[in-house]
Amino acid sequence: MNAIGDPRPDKPGEEPAIILVGIKGSSYYVVKGDEFMDQLLLVDGKFPFPIVCLNFETMIDATRILGGTFSVADCWALHPEVVNRLRDEKKLIESHN
């Protein structure tokens, strides 16, 4: 696992500690790393980064790619302004699927 606040993974190819899913650029969900939620919400919180955000146009696209068992009902929602802050701080790697 990354050291808290360390932008470099300990091992090449290591899966990030925090993964988000974005839908239409307006709804965001924590699919991995919910133990860091409190720290993500703080402006000066300590958490491993970079954070990966997988963006999808629709929930159907997300389910198709992530698998039929994916459900946002099982995830914490994250306010878009928090994601914008992470983006501005260059702590977010985004993919658009």
Protein backbone atom coordinates (compact mmCIF):
# COMPACT_ATOMS: atom_id res chain seq x y z
CA MET A 1 0.00 0.00 0.00
CA ASN A 2 1.11 3.59 -0.56
CA ALA A 3 2.34 5.55 2.38
CA ILE A 4 -0.23 8.13 3.43
CA GLY A 5 0.25 11.12 1.17
CA ASP A 6 3.00 9.46 -0.89
CA PRO A 7 2.24 10.02 -4.59
CA ARG A 8 4.36 7.08 -5.73
CA PRO A 9 3.18 3.48 -5.50
CA ASP A 10 5.41 1.17 -3.50
CA LYS A 11 5.41 -1.29 -6.39
CA PRO A 12 4.90 -0.66 -10.09
CA GLY A 13 1.46 -1.78 -11.20
CA GLU A 14 0.07 -1.73 -7.67
CA GLU A 15 -3.67 -1.08 -7.50
CA PRO A 16 -4.49 2.30 -5.94
CA ALA A 17 -5.85 2.32 -2.40
CA ILE A 18 -8.76 4.57 -3.42
CA ILE A 19 -10.89 4.08 -6.54
CA LEU A 20 -13.87 6.22 -7.48
CA VAL A 21 -16.54 5.81 -10.14
CA GLY A 22 -17.98 8.93 -11.75
CA ILE A 23 -21.28 9.00 -13.64
CA LYS A 24 -21.83 11.84 -16.15
CA GLY A 25 -19.29 13.99 -14.31
CA SER A 26 -21.83 14.81 -11.63
CA SER A 27 -22.14 11.77 -9.34
CA TYR A 28 -19.15 10.10 -7.70
CA TYR A 29 -18.91 6.93 -5.64
CA VAL A 30 -16.11 5.36 -3.59
CA VAL A 31 -15.78 1.76 -4.78
CA LYS A 32 -12.52 1.08 -2.95
CA GLY A 33 -10.95 2.88 -0.01
CA ASP A 34 -14.01 3.85 2.01
CA GLU A 35 -11.82 3.62 5.14
CA PHE A 36 -10.27 6.92 3.95
CA MET A 37 -13.62 8.77 3.61
CA ASP A 38 -13.12 10.99 6.66
CA GLN A 39 -9.69 12.07 5.43
CA LEU A 40 -10.92 12.64 1.86
CA LEU A 41 -13.55 15.06 3.14
CA LEU A 42 -10.99 17.16 5.02
CA VAL A 43 -9.17 19.87 3.06
CA ASP A 44 -5.91 18.88 4.77
CA GLY A 45 -6.68 15.17 5.16
CA LYS A 46 -4.02 12.49 4.86
CA PHE A 47 -4.75 9.67 2.44
CA PRO A 48 -2.88 7.61 -0.17
CA PHE A 49 -2.78 9.06 -3.65
CA PRO A 50 -3.06 9.19 -6.57
CA ILE A 51 -6.74 8.32 -6.53
CA VAL A 52 -8.19 6.70 -9.63
CA CYS A 53 -11.56 7.85 -10.95
CA LEU A 54 -13.24 5.73 -13.62
CA ASN A 55 -15.72 7.97 -15.43
CA PHE A 56 -18.73 6.61 -17.30
CA GLU A 57 -21.47 8.28 -19.29
CA THR A 58 -24.24 6.14 -17.77
CA MET A 59 -24.77 3.69 -14.93
CA ILE A 60 -25.42 1.03 -17.57
CA ASP A 61 -21.91 1.63 -18.98
CA ALA A 62 -20.40 1.34 -15.49
CA THR A 63 -22.23 -1.91 -14.80
CA ARG A 64 -21.27 -3.32 -18.20
CA ILE A 65 -17.57 -2.61 -17.60
CA LEU A 66 -17.36 -3.27 -13.84
CA GLY A 67 -19.61 -6.32 -13.83
CA GLY A 68 -23.23 -7.09 -13.16
CA THR A 69 -22.75 -7.12 -9.40
CA PHE A 70 -21.59 -3.47 -9.31
CA SER A 71 -24.13 -1.26 -7.54
CA VAL A 72 -23.74 2.29 -6.27
CA ALA A 73 -26.08 1.29 -3.44
CA ASP A 74 -23.07 -0.53 -1.96
CA CYS A 75 -20.82 2.57 -2.23
CA TRP A 76 -20.36 5.83 -0.38
CA ALA A 77 -21.30 8.87 -2.46
CA LEU A 78 -18.71 11.62 -2.69
CA HIS A 79 -19.71 15.24 -3.28
CA PRO A 80 -18.55 16.57 -6.69
CA GLU A 81 -16.78 19.50 -5.01
CA VAL A 82 -14.54 17.05 -3.14
CA VAL A 83 -13.65 15.44 -6.48
CA ASN A 84 -13.01 18.89 -7.99
CA ARG A 85 -10.64 19.68 -5.10
CA LEU A 86 -8.77 16.41 -5.62
CA ARG A 87 -8.55 17.20 -9.34
CA ASP A 88 -7.25 20.74 -8.64
CA GLU A 89 -4.67 19.33 -6.21
CA LYS A 90 -3.48 16.90 -8.92
CA LYS A 91 -4.28 13.89 -6.71
CA LEU A 92 -6.69 12.34 -9.18
CA ILE A 93 -6.04 10.16 -12.22
CA GLU A 94 -9.12 9.97 -14.42
CA SER A 95 -10.14 7.62 -17.18
CA HIS A 96 -13.13 8.14 -19.44
CA ASN A 97 -14.82 4.93 -20.50
